[in-house]
């Protein structure tokens, strides 16, 4: 029996978008906490965060519960194209590399390469949204803006249109590393665990594979995420060289001034979001793609 043709691009794109929005609605407060912890550079003081739970407590007590969803408009608008691009690009790059290397099936090394390429593609989509999100989430700069559009207007007016792409290089590295770890681990975990015999078992397998992939991706890319947050939160001043500018020099600066552990600031809320979040992404994406395939099969059967 001939193998069924793959679903068209628009279905892959739509499934990725639905998966992304589902994940962000559940996990966004952890992203706010992660950004707050990453941006703080001092020690001590009543407003200093002594970890994830302390950050949660102080945000809710001092700023209100709604502050945990501050800036969510930009991520919601970003999440659909971002996750859609991630999965659609991973699918297209996978086919490209299989053809280029003469492989009939995906391999571990091709999964890593495909994920890295998908991450680089995704990065170009997300940079402006990430910049808006970071500036709204930061406690010190958040008061300067009245919302997402105000961030864009003031950034372009004061720093120029290209400022919306501040942090592009560090964002590229962050997404390349995360997606390489994520998709590479998903492939390997699926090879290790027993094949599912029903949909419930498949969902469990996807949660396990996606959560492990999200955790490994987070371990690998957190230092680049820390410096990306700082680069994008830096207001560009003409004639002045920013302290945080390029990704790996910024990594060296943080490690030298604050210690290696500072490169993993915000790691706990980040891994709690992107570990389970990676599982949510994979489960929803797989489920939506299965729904589209069943819909196509039903349409084809109706024509007979």
Foldseek 3Di string as FASTA:
>chain_A
DDDDDADDLVLLLQLQLVLQLVLCVVQQLLVLLLLQQLQDDDDDDPPHAPDRVSSCVCCCVPPNPCLSCFLVVLSNVLRSNLRSLLRSQLVVQLVVVCVVVVHPDDDLVSQLVSQLRSLLRSLVSCQLSLLLSLQCSHPVRVVVAPHSVRVQVCLCVQPNNCLSNFLSQLSSQLRSQLRSQQRSQLVVLCVVDDDDPDLVSVLVSLQQSQLRSQLRSLVRRQLSVSLSSVRSNDRDDPPDDDPRGHRPVSSVVCCVPPNNCSSCGSVVSSSVSRNSSRSSSRSSSVVSSVVVVVVVVVVVVVVD
